[in-house]
């Protein structure tokens, strides 16, 4: 009973969440910081599926403020 256009939106969101779960986040030596590789294909897929900027998402995944 869900319209096809809504189904595609739901599938895009679910696919983005699954890619986010596969993202590799590297911890730094002190344990208080982390980073995400610029070349991580899962981050690129996540950003393209949701239409968000790669650099901004990469930054805010690793910073609380």
Protein backbone atom coordinates (compact mmCIF):
# COMPACT_ATOMS: atom_id res chain seq x y z
CA UNK A 1 0.00 0.00 0.00
CA UNK A 2 3.02 2.34 -0.16
CA UNK A 3 3.49 4.44 -3.29
CA UNK A 4 6.46 3.52 -5.47
CA UNK A 5 8.07 6.95 -5.02
CA UNK A 6 7.87 6.54 -1.24
CA UNK A 7 9.27 3.02 -1.49
CA UNK A 8 12.35 4.28 -3.32
CA UNK A 9 12.89 6.94 -0.65
CA UNK A 10 12.60 4.32 2.09
CA UNK A 11 15.02 2.01 0.24
CA UNK A 12 17.54 4.88 -0.16
CA UNK A 13 17.41 5.65 3.57
CA UNK A 14 17.79 1.98 4.53
CA UNK A 15 20.70 1.55 2.10
CA UNK A 16 22.38 4.66 3.53
CA UNK A 17 22.02 3.33 7.10
CA UNK A 18 23.52 -0.02 6.05
CA UNK A 19 26.49 1.75 4.42
CA UNK A 20 26.98 3.83 7.55
CA UNK A 21 27.19 0.61 9.55
CA UNK A 22 30.06 -0.56 7.31
CA UNK A 23 32.05 2.64 7.76
CA UNK A 24 35.56 2.19 9.16
CA UNK A 25 36.32 4.69 11.91
CA UNK A 26 39.94 4.70 13.05
CA UNK A 27 40.68 5.62 16.66
CA UNK A 28 43.61 7.87 17.49
CA UNK A 29 46.33 7.04 20.02
CA UNK A 30 44.79 8.88 22.97
CA UNK A 31 41.39 7.26 22.49
CA UNK A 32 39.66 10.65 22.50
CA UNK A 33 39.68 11.28 18.76
CA UNK A 34 38.88 9.38 15.59
CA UNK A 35 39.02 9.77 11.83
CA UNK A 36 37.37 8.45 8.69
CA UNK A 37 39.36 7.85 5.50
CA UNK A 38 38.70 10.23 2.59
CA UNK A 39 38.54 7.20 0.30
CA UNK A 40 36.00 5.15 2.28
CA UNK A 41 33.51 3.91 -0.31
CA UNK A 42 30.77 3.41 2.28
CA UNK A 43 30.92 7.07 3.32
CA UNK A 44 30.77 8.12 -0.33
CA UNK A 45 27.74 5.90 -0.94
CA UNK A 46 26.05 7.18 2.23
CA UNK A 47 26.54 10.80 1.19
CA UNK A 48 25.33 10.28 -2.36
CA UNK A 49 22.24 8.37 -1.21
CA UNK A 50 21.20 11.09 1.23
CA UNK A 51 22.52 14.09 -0.72
CA UNK A 52 24.85 15.38 1.98
CA UNK A 53 28.35 16.82 1.64
CA UNK A 54 31.14 14.26 2.00
CA UNK A 55 33.52 16.58 3.88
CA UNK A 56 30.86 17.76 6.32
CA UNK A 57 29.71 14.24 7.12
CA UNK A 58 33.28 13.05 7.53
CA UNK A 59 33.93 15.89 9.99
CA UNK A 60 30.74 15.55 12.05
CA UNK A 61 30.99 11.78 12.42
CA UNK A 62 34.17 12.39 14.42
CA UNK A 63 33.35 15.62 16.29
CA UNK A 64 30.68 16.13 18.90
CA UNK A 65 30.48 19.93 18.75
